[in-house]
N, C-alpha and C. Protein backbone atom coordinates (compact mmCIF):
# COMPACT_ATOMS: atom_id res chain seq x y z
N MET A 1 75.63 22.10 31.60
CA MET A 1 74.77 22.89 32.45
C MET A 1 74.71 22.33 33.87
N HIS A 2 74.65 20.99 33.95
CA HIS A 2 74.58 20.33 35.26
C HIS A 2 75.85 20.63 36.08
N HIS A 3 77.02 20.66 35.40
CA HIS A 3 78.28 20.95 36.09
C HIS A 3 78.31 22.38 36.60
N ILE A 4 77.77 23.32 35.82
CA ILE A 4 77.73 24.73 36.23
C ILE A 4 76.84 24.89 37.45
N ARG A 5 75.69 24.21 37.45
CA ARG A 5 74.78 24.29 38.59
C ARG A 5 75.45 23.73 39.84
N ARG A 6 76.14 22.58 39.70
CA ARG A 6 76.83 21.98 40.83
C ARG A 6 77.97 22.89 41.32
N LEU A 7 78.70 23.49 40.39
CA LEU A 7 79.78 24.40 40.75
C LEU A 7 79.22 25.63 41.47
N THR A 8 78.13 26.18 40.96
CA THR A 8 77.50 27.34 41.59
C THR A 8 77.01 26.99 43.00
N THR A 9 76.39 25.84 43.14
CA THR A 9 75.91 25.40 44.46
C THR A 9 77.08 25.22 45.42
N GLY A 10 78.18 24.63 44.94
CA GLY A 10 79.36 24.45 45.78
C GLY A 10 79.96 25.78 46.21
N CYS A 11 80.04 26.74 45.28
CA CYS A 11 80.57 28.07 45.61
C CYS A 11 79.69 28.77 46.64
N LEU A 12 78.38 28.68 46.47
CA LEU A 12 77.47 29.30 47.44
C LEU A 12 77.62 28.66 48.81
N ALA A 13 77.81 27.36 48.86
CA ALA A 13 78.00 26.68 50.14
C ALA A 13 79.28 27.14 50.82
N LEU A 14 80.35 27.31 50.03
CA LEU A 14 81.61 27.80 50.60
C LEU A 14 81.46 29.23 51.11
N LEU A 15 80.77 30.07 50.35
CA LEU A 15 80.53 31.44 50.80
C LEU A 15 79.73 31.47 52.09
N ALA A 16 78.71 30.63 52.18
CA ALA A 16 77.89 30.59 53.40
C ALA A 16 78.72 30.10 54.58
N ALA A 17 79.58 29.11 54.35
CA ALA A 17 80.44 28.62 55.43
C ALA A 17 81.40 29.72 55.89
N GLY A 18 81.96 30.48 54.96
CA GLY A 18 82.85 31.59 55.30
C GLY A 18 82.13 32.65 56.09
N ALA A 19 80.89 32.97 55.70
CA ALA A 19 80.11 33.97 56.43
C ALA A 19 79.80 33.48 57.84
N ALA A 20 79.53 32.18 57.98
CA ALA A 20 79.24 31.64 59.31
C ALA A 20 80.47 31.75 60.20
N LEU A 21 81.67 31.52 59.63
CA LEU A 21 82.88 31.63 60.42
C LEU A 21 83.16 33.08 60.82
N ALA A 22 82.77 34.04 59.98
CA ALA A 22 83.04 35.45 60.26
C ALA A 22 82.11 35.99 61.35
N THR A 23 80.97 35.37 61.55
CA THR A 23 80.03 35.82 62.57
C THR A 23 80.36 35.15 63.89
N PRO A 24 80.74 35.94 64.90
CA PRO A 24 81.12 35.31 66.18
C PRO A 24 79.92 34.67 66.87
N THR A 25 80.19 33.59 67.60
CA THR A 25 79.16 32.99 68.44
C THR A 25 78.85 33.99 69.57
N PRO A 26 77.77 33.80 70.32
CA PRO A 26 77.50 34.70 71.45
C PRO A 26 78.67 34.75 72.45
N GLU A 27 79.30 33.62 72.72
CA GLU A 27 80.42 33.61 73.66
C GLU A 27 81.62 34.35 73.09
N GLU A 28 81.91 34.13 71.80
CA GLU A 28 83.00 34.87 71.15
C GLU A 28 82.69 36.36 71.14
N GLY A 29 81.44 36.71 70.92
CA GLY A 29 81.04 38.12 70.95
C GLY A 29 81.29 38.74 72.32
N ALA A 30 80.99 37.99 73.38
CA ALA A 30 81.23 38.49 74.74
C ALA A 30 82.73 38.67 74.99
N ILE A 31 83.54 37.77 74.47
CA ILE A 31 84.99 37.87 74.62
C ILE A 31 85.50 39.11 73.89
N LEU A 32 85.03 39.32 72.66
CA LEU A 32 85.47 40.48 71.88
C LEU A 32 84.98 41.79 72.50
N GLU A 33 83.84 41.76 73.16
CA GLU A 33 83.36 42.97 73.86
C GLU A 33 84.32 43.38 74.98
N VAL A 34 84.91 42.39 75.66
CA VAL A 34 85.89 42.70 76.71
C VAL A 34 87.14 43.33 76.09
N ILE A 35 87.58 42.79 74.96
CA ILE A 35 88.74 43.35 74.28
C ILE A 35 88.43 44.76 73.78
N ASP A 36 87.23 44.97 73.24
CA ASP A 36 86.82 46.32 72.83
C ASP A 36 86.86 47.28 74.01
N ALA A 37 86.33 46.84 75.16
CA ALA A 37 86.32 47.70 76.35
C ALA A 37 87.75 48.02 76.78
N PHE A 38 88.66 47.08 76.66
CA PHE A 38 90.07 47.29 76.97
C PHE A 38 90.64 48.42 76.12
N PHE A 39 90.42 48.34 74.81
CA PHE A 39 90.95 49.37 73.90
C PHE A 39 90.28 50.72 74.10
N LEU A 40 88.98 50.72 74.35
CA LEU A 40 88.27 51.98 74.61
C LEU A 40 88.76 52.62 75.90
N ALA A 41 89.05 51.80 76.92
CA ALA A 41 89.58 52.33 78.18
C ALA A 41 90.97 52.93 77.98
N LEU A 42 91.82 52.26 77.21
CA LEU A 42 93.15 52.81 76.92
C LEU A 42 93.02 54.14 76.18
N HIS A 43 92.11 54.20 75.24
CA HIS A 43 91.90 55.43 74.45
C HIS A 43 91.45 56.59 75.34
N ALA A 44 90.53 56.31 76.24
CA ALA A 44 89.93 57.36 77.07
C ALA A 44 90.71 57.65 78.35
N GLY A 45 91.70 56.82 78.66
CA GLY A 45 92.39 56.98 79.94
C GLY A 45 91.48 56.63 81.10
N ASP A 46 90.59 55.65 80.88
CA ASP A 46 89.58 55.24 81.86
C ASP A 46 90.12 54.09 82.72
N ALA A 47 90.76 54.45 83.83
CA ALA A 47 91.39 53.46 84.71
C ALA A 47 90.37 52.51 85.33
N ASP A 48 89.17 53.00 85.64
CA ASP A 48 88.16 52.13 86.26
C ASP A 48 87.74 51.01 85.32
N THR A 49 87.49 51.35 84.06
CA THR A 49 87.10 50.31 83.09
C THR A 49 88.26 49.37 82.83
N LEU A 50 89.47 49.91 82.71
CA LEU A 50 90.63 49.06 82.48
C LEU A 50 90.78 48.06 83.63
N GLU A 51 90.66 48.55 84.85
CA GLU A 51 90.76 47.68 86.02
C GLU A 51 89.67 46.61 86.02
N ALA A 52 88.48 46.98 85.55
CA ALA A 52 87.35 46.04 85.53
C ALA A 52 87.54 44.90 84.53
N VAL A 53 88.25 45.15 83.41
CA VAL A 53 88.41 44.09 82.41
C VAL A 53 89.67 43.27 82.63
N LEU A 54 90.56 43.73 83.50
CA LEU A 54 91.79 42.98 83.80
C LEU A 54 91.64 42.16 85.07
N GLN A 55 92.15 40.93 85.03
CA GLN A 55 92.25 40.15 86.25
C GLN A 55 93.27 40.85 87.15
N PRO A 56 93.15 40.75 88.48
CA PRO A 56 94.10 41.41 89.38
C PRO A 56 95.56 41.01 89.13
N HIS A 57 95.78 39.81 88.64
CA HIS A 57 97.13 39.29 88.41
C HIS A 57 97.60 39.47 86.96
N SER A 58 96.90 40.25 86.16
CA SER A 58 97.19 40.34 84.73
C SER A 58 98.59 40.87 84.45
N ARG A 59 99.10 40.47 83.31
CA ARG A 59 100.41 40.92 82.85
C ARG A 59 100.35 41.24 81.37
N THR A 60 101.27 42.11 80.96
CA THR A 60 101.42 42.46 79.56
C THR A 60 102.88 42.25 79.17
N VAL A 61 103.08 41.64 78.02
CA VAL A 61 104.42 41.45 77.48
C VAL A 61 104.47 42.16 76.13
N LEU A 62 105.45 43.07 75.99
CA LEU A 62 105.60 43.74 74.70
C LEU A 62 106.92 43.35 74.07
N ILE A 63 106.85 43.11 72.76
CA ILE A 63 107.99 42.63 72.00
C ILE A 63 108.23 43.62 70.87
N ARG A 64 109.40 44.28 70.91
CA ARG A 64 109.70 45.27 69.86
C ARG A 64 111.06 44.96 69.25
N PRO A 65 111.21 45.36 67.97
CA PRO A 65 112.52 45.16 67.33
C PRO A 65 113.60 45.94 68.09
N ASP A 66 114.80 45.40 68.10
CA ASP A 66 115.89 46.03 68.84
C ASP A 66 117.12 46.16 67.95
N GLY A 67 117.04 47.08 67.01
CA GLY A 67 118.19 47.39 66.16
C GLY A 67 118.59 46.30 65.19
N GLU A 68 119.28 45.30 65.66
CA GLU A 68 119.81 44.25 64.79
C GLU A 68 118.68 43.45 64.15
N GLU A 69 118.98 42.93 62.97
CA GLU A 69 118.02 42.09 62.26
C GLU A 69 117.66 40.88 63.13
N GLY A 70 116.40 40.74 63.44
CA GLY A 70 115.93 39.60 64.21
C GLY A 70 116.03 39.76 65.72
N ALA A 71 116.74 40.78 66.20
CA ALA A 71 116.85 40.99 67.65
C ALA A 71 115.56 41.62 68.17
N ALA A 72 115.25 41.36 69.42
CA ALA A 72 114.03 41.90 70.02
C ALA A 72 114.28 42.33 71.45
N SER A 73 113.53 43.33 71.84
CA SER A 73 113.51 43.78 73.23
C SER A 73 112.17 43.32 73.80
N ILE A 74 112.20 42.68 74.95
CA ILE A 74 110.98 42.17 75.57
C ILE A 74 110.84 42.79 76.95
N ALA A 75 109.65 43.35 77.20
CA ALA A 75 109.38 43.96 78.50
C ALA A 75 108.09 43.37 79.06
N VAL A 76 108.04 43.22 80.38
CA VAL A 76 106.86 42.68 81.06
C VAL A 76 106.34 43.75 82.00
N ARG A 77 105.02 43.95 81.98
CA ARG A 77 104.37 44.92 82.86
C ARG A 77 103.23 44.25 83.61
N GLU A 78 103.02 44.72 84.81
CA GLU A 78 101.86 44.28 85.59
C GLU A 78 100.65 45.13 85.19
N GLY A 79 99.49 44.50 85.05
CA GLY A 79 98.28 45.24 84.71
C GLY A 79 97.96 46.32 85.73
N ARG A 80 98.15 46.01 87.01
CA ARG A 80 97.84 46.99 88.06
C ARG A 80 98.74 48.21 87.96
N ASP A 81 99.98 48.05 87.45
CA ASP A 81 100.87 49.19 87.27
C ASP A 81 100.37 50.13 86.17
N THR A 82 99.83 49.55 85.10
CA THR A 82 99.26 50.37 84.02
C THR A 82 98.06 51.14 84.54
N VAL A 83 97.21 50.48 85.32
CA VAL A 83 96.04 51.15 85.90
C VAL A 83 96.49 52.31 86.80
N ALA A 84 97.48 52.06 87.65
CA ALA A 84 97.98 53.11 88.55
C ALA A 84 98.59 54.26 87.76
N ARG A 85 99.36 53.95 86.73
CA ARG A 85 99.95 55.00 85.90
C ARG A 85 98.86 55.85 85.25
N MET A 86 97.81 55.19 84.79
CA MET A 86 96.69 55.91 84.18
C MET A 86 96.01 56.84 85.18
N ARG A 87 95.90 56.39 86.43
CA ARG A 87 95.23 57.19 87.46
C ARG A 87 96.08 58.37 87.93
N HIS A 88 97.40 58.24 87.93
CA HIS A 88 98.25 59.22 88.60
C HIS A 88 99.19 60.00 87.70
N GLN A 89 99.20 59.72 86.41
CA GLN A 89 100.07 60.45 85.48
C GLN A 89 99.27 60.89 84.28
N PRO A 90 99.73 61.92 83.60
CA PRO A 90 99.03 62.31 82.36
C PRO A 90 99.01 61.14 81.38
N TRP A 91 97.88 60.95 80.75
CA TRP A 91 97.71 59.82 79.83
C TRP A 91 97.56 60.36 78.42
N ALA A 92 98.43 59.96 77.52
CA ALA A 92 98.37 60.40 76.12
C ALA A 92 97.40 59.49 75.36
N PRO A 93 96.28 60.03 74.89
CA PRO A 93 95.29 59.19 74.22
C PRO A 93 95.81 58.63 72.89
N PHE A 94 95.35 57.45 72.56
CA PHE A 94 95.65 56.82 71.29
C PHE A 94 94.50 55.90 70.92
N ARG A 95 94.43 55.57 69.65
CA ARG A 95 93.42 54.62 69.17
C ARG A 95 94.14 53.37 68.70
N GLU A 96 93.81 52.26 69.31
CA GLU A 96 94.32 50.97 68.85
C GLU A 96 93.14 50.22 68.28
N SER A 97 93.19 50.01 66.97
CA SER A 97 92.11 49.33 66.26
C SER A 97 92.60 47.98 65.76
N TYR A 98 91.68 47.03 65.68
CA TYR A 98 92.05 45.70 65.22
C TYR A 98 91.07 45.18 64.20
N TRP A 99 91.46 44.11 63.54
CA TRP A 99 90.63 43.48 62.52
C TRP A 99 90.91 41.98 62.52
N SER A 100 90.01 41.23 61.94
CA SER A 100 90.15 39.77 61.75
C SER A 100 90.58 39.02 63.00
N PRO A 101 89.88 39.21 64.13
CA PRO A 101 90.28 38.47 65.33
C PRO A 101 90.05 36.97 65.18
N LYS A 102 90.97 36.19 65.73
CA LYS A 102 90.84 34.73 65.77
C LYS A 102 90.60 34.36 67.22
N VAL A 103 89.42 33.82 67.51
CA VAL A 103 89.05 33.48 68.88
C VAL A 103 89.06 31.96 69.03
N LEU A 104 89.81 31.48 70.01
CA LEU A 104 89.77 30.07 70.40
C LEU A 104 89.25 30.04 71.83
N GLN A 105 88.20 29.25 72.05
CA GLN A 105 87.57 29.24 73.37
C GLN A 105 87.11 27.84 73.71
N ARG A 106 87.39 27.44 74.92
CA ARG A 106 86.91 26.17 75.44
C ARG A 106 86.57 26.40 76.90
N GLY A 107 85.31 26.22 77.23
CA GLY A 107 84.89 26.41 78.62
C GLY A 107 85.18 27.81 79.10
N ARG A 108 85.97 27.92 80.15
CA ARG A 108 86.27 29.21 80.78
C ARG A 108 87.62 29.80 80.37
N LEU A 109 88.18 29.30 79.27
CA LEU A 109 89.47 29.78 78.78
C LEU A 109 89.33 30.22 77.34
N ALA A 110 89.90 31.38 77.02
CA ALA A 110 89.88 31.88 75.64
C ALA A 110 91.22 32.51 75.30
N VAL A 111 91.60 32.36 74.05
CA VAL A 111 92.78 33.01 73.50
C VAL A 111 92.32 33.74 72.24
N VAL A 112 92.76 35.00 72.11
CA VAL A 112 92.40 35.78 70.93
C VAL A 112 93.69 36.33 70.32
N TRP A 113 93.81 36.16 69.02
CA TRP A 113 94.97 36.63 68.24
C TRP A 113 94.42 37.62 67.24
N LEU A 114 95.00 38.82 67.19
CA LEU A 114 94.47 39.81 66.27
C LEU A 114 95.54 40.80 65.82
N PRO A 115 95.52 41.17 64.54
CA PRO A 115 96.39 42.24 64.07
C PRO A 115 95.80 43.59 64.48
N TYR A 116 96.68 44.58 64.71
CA TYR A 116 96.21 45.90 65.15
C TYR A 116 97.06 47.00 64.54
N VAL A 117 96.52 48.21 64.60
CA VAL A 117 97.27 49.42 64.25
C VAL A 117 97.04 50.42 65.38
N LEU A 118 98.11 51.15 65.75
CA LEU A 118 98.01 52.14 66.81
C LEU A 118 98.22 53.53 66.21
N ILE A 119 97.25 54.40 66.43
CA ILE A 119 97.29 55.78 65.94
C ILE A 119 97.34 56.70 67.16
N ARG A 120 98.36 57.51 67.26
CA ARG A 120 98.48 58.48 68.35
C ARG A 120 97.67 59.71 68.00
N GLU A 121 96.96 60.25 68.98
CA GLU A 121 96.12 61.42 68.76
C GLU A 121 96.93 62.61 68.26
N GLU A 122 98.12 62.81 68.84
CA GLU A 122 98.89 64.00 68.50
C GLU A 122 99.77 63.82 67.28
N GLY A 123 100.05 62.60 66.87
CA GLY A 123 101.03 62.46 65.81
C GLY A 123 100.73 61.43 64.74
N GLY A 124 99.54 60.92 64.67
CA GLY A 124 99.20 59.96 63.63
C GLY A 124 99.76 58.58 63.88
N PHE A 125 100.11 57.89 62.79
CA PHE A 125 100.55 56.50 62.84
C PHE A 125 101.72 56.31 63.80
N SER A 126 101.63 55.30 64.64
CA SER A 126 102.73 54.95 65.54
C SER A 126 103.34 53.61 65.12
N HIS A 127 102.51 52.57 65.10
CA HIS A 127 102.98 51.23 64.75
C HIS A 127 101.80 50.29 64.58
N CYS A 128 102.09 49.08 64.22
CA CYS A 128 101.08 48.03 64.15
C CYS A 128 101.71 46.77 64.72
N GLY A 129 100.99 45.66 64.66
CA GLY A 129 101.53 44.41 65.17
C GLY A 129 100.45 43.38 65.42
N ILE A 130 100.77 42.44 66.25
CA ILE A 130 99.85 41.38 66.65
C ILE A 130 99.64 41.48 68.16
N ASP A 131 98.38 41.43 68.58
CA ASP A 131 98.01 41.32 69.99
C ASP A 131 97.56 39.89 70.24
N GLN A 132 97.95 39.34 71.37
CA GLN A 132 97.47 38.03 71.79
C GLN A 132 96.94 38.19 73.21
N PHE A 133 95.67 37.88 73.39
CA PHE A 133 95.01 37.98 74.69
C PHE A 133 94.70 36.59 75.21
N THR A 134 94.87 36.38 76.50
CA THR A 134 94.36 35.20 77.19
C THR A 134 93.35 35.70 78.20
N LEU A 135 92.15 35.14 78.15
CA LEU A 135 91.07 35.54 79.05
C LEU A 135 90.55 34.32 79.79
N THR A 136 90.07 34.53 81.01
CA THR A 136 89.39 33.48 81.77
C THR A 136 88.05 34.02 82.22
N LYS A 137 87.15 33.08 82.46
CA LYS A 137 85.79 33.45 82.84
C LYS A 137 85.50 32.92 84.23
N ALA A 138 85.29 33.83 85.16
CA ALA A 138 84.85 33.50 86.51
C ALA A 138 83.84 34.58 86.85
N GLY A 139 82.60 34.34 86.54
CA GLY A 139 81.56 35.37 86.65
C GLY A 139 81.38 36.08 85.32
N GLY A 140 82.46 36.53 84.73
CA GLY A 140 82.46 37.18 83.41
C GLY A 140 83.87 37.09 82.85
N TRP A 141 84.01 37.33 81.56
CA TRP A 141 85.32 37.26 80.93
C TRP A 141 86.18 38.43 81.38
N ARG A 142 87.45 38.13 81.73
CA ARG A 142 88.43 39.15 82.07
C ARG A 142 89.78 38.75 81.48
N ILE A 143 90.63 39.73 81.28
CA ILE A 143 91.92 39.52 80.63
C ILE A 143 92.98 39.15 81.68
N ASP A 144 93.65 38.03 81.45
CA ASP A 144 94.74 37.59 82.31
C ASP A 144 96.09 38.02 81.75
N PHE A 145 96.19 38.02 80.42
CA PHE A 145 97.49 38.17 79.80
C PHE A 145 97.34 38.83 78.44
N VAL A 146 98.21 39.79 78.14
CA VAL A 146 98.27 40.41 76.82
C VAL A 146 99.73 40.37 76.39
N ALA A 147 99.98 39.89 75.19
CA ALA A 147 101.31 39.99 74.58
C ALA A 147 101.13 40.67 73.25
N PHE A 148 102.08 41.55 72.90
CA PHE A 148 101.95 42.21 71.60
C PHE A 148 103.30 42.53 71.00
N THR A 149 103.30 42.52 69.66
CA THR A 149 104.48 42.93 68.92
C THR A 149 104.32 44.39 68.54
N ILE A 150 105.45 45.05 68.35
CA ILE A 150 105.47 46.43 67.86
C ILE A 150 106.23 46.41 66.54
N GLU A 151 105.53 46.71 65.47
CA GLU A 151 106.12 46.74 64.14
C GLU A 151 105.95 48.16 63.61
N PRO A 152 107.07 48.92 63.52
CA PRO A 152 106.97 50.36 63.32
C PRO A 152 106.80 50.86 61.88
N THR A 153 106.52 49.99 60.91
CA THR A 153 106.39 50.47 59.54
C THR A 153 105.00 50.22 58.98
N ARG A 154 104.60 51.09 58.09
CA ARG A 154 103.30 50.90 57.41
C ARG A 154 103.32 49.65 56.55
N GLU A 155 104.48 49.26 56.04
CA GLU A 155 104.59 48.03 55.24
C GLU A 155 104.19 46.82 56.08
N ALA A 156 104.57 46.83 57.37
CA ALA A 156 104.19 45.72 58.25
C ALA A 156 102.68 45.66 58.38
N CYS A 157 102.03 46.83 58.45
CA CYS A 157 100.56 46.85 58.55
C CYS A 157 99.94 46.24 57.29
N ALA A 158 100.48 46.58 56.14
CA ALA A 158 99.97 46.01 54.89
C ALA A 158 100.16 44.49 54.90
N ASP A 159 101.33 44.03 55.39
CA ASP A 159 101.58 42.58 55.48
C ASP A 159 100.57 41.90 56.40
N LEU A 160 100.08 42.63 57.41
CA LEU A 160 99.10 42.07 58.35
C LEU A 160 97.68 42.15 57.80
N GLY A 161 97.52 42.72 56.62
CA GLY A 161 96.20 42.77 55.99
C GLY A 161 95.30 43.87 56.49
N GLN A 162 95.87 45.00 56.93
CA GLN A 162 95.05 46.09 57.44
C GLN A 162 94.07 46.54 56.38
N PRO A 163 92.77 46.52 56.70
CA PRO A 163 91.78 46.96 55.72
C PRO A 163 91.85 48.48 55.52
N SER A 164 91.52 48.92 54.32
CA SER A 164 91.52 50.36 54.03
C SER A 164 90.22 51.00 54.51
N ASP A 165 89.21 50.20 54.77
CA ASP A 165 87.91 50.70 55.22
C ASP A 165 87.84 50.67 56.74
N ASP A 166 87.77 51.85 57.39
CA ASP A 166 87.72 51.91 58.85
C ASP A 166 86.50 51.21 59.42
N ASP A 167 85.45 51.00 58.63
CA ASP A 167 84.26 50.31 59.13
C ASP A 167 84.54 48.84 59.44
N LEU A 168 85.66 48.32 58.94
CA LEU A 168 86.02 46.92 59.19
C LEU A 168 86.89 46.78 60.43
N LEU A 169 87.19 47.90 61.11
CA LEU A 169 88.02 47.89 62.30
C LEU A 169 87.18 47.86 63.55
N ARG A 170 87.72 47.28 64.61
CA ARG A 170 87.09 47.30 65.94
C ARG A 170 88.07 47.95 66.89
N PRO A 171 87.66 48.49 67.99
CA PRO A 171 86.28 48.86 68.31
C PRO A 171 85.90 50.16 67.59
N THR A 172 84.67 50.57 67.78
CA THR A 172 84.23 51.86 67.28
C THR A 172 84.45 52.87 68.39
N PHE A 173 85.30 53.86 68.11
CA PHE A 173 85.61 54.88 69.10
C PHE A 173 84.52 55.96 69.07
N PRO A 174 84.28 56.64 70.20
CA PRO A 174 83.19 57.62 70.26
C PRO A 174 83.23 58.65 69.13
N GLU A 175 84.40 59.14 68.77
CA GLU A 175 84.47 60.15 67.72
C GLU A 175 84.16 59.58 66.34
N GLN A 176 84.19 58.26 66.18
CA GLN A 176 83.86 57.63 64.90
C GLN A 176 82.36 57.50 64.71
N SER A 177 81.61 57.46 65.78
CA SER A 177 80.17 57.21 65.68
C SER A 177 79.37 58.49 65.48
N LYS A 178 80.05 59.62 65.33
CA LYS A 178 79.35 60.89 65.13
C LYS A 178 78.99 61.07 63.68
């Protein structure tokens, strides 16, 4: 009986530690709010919000498979170019949702690694992958750098642990809260 009580106490302590890790600190919460605003701006075609969460010098690197096994195509974009494209060209809305973000933060520097899935409004599933954000804080958190993989199969999403419950995804898009 004593061993069962000790085992139960140990299991409860592990569960509590896991729950504590899953709850972001206030600073981590502020970092994730910036990432949420980034995705909501992309969804809505909101160039002003996108510009507000990006540092003026921000860059994006996208990594996609390129035919051959293991080959990749890598492209680099300036954040200001994405903002300009959003302002001056038709913007096709999409929802990019993420789960299980890993936040590393020290002082005014943060790195966030997260799996995501991208759903196009007009055509459903597009792809999934990993997003990696680097943010700095000067007044408030802003995004300096985004790198992401493009993995075009649903199997890749399953490998990334995509939850089946949309309530476990971030951010919450306006049409989801109705």
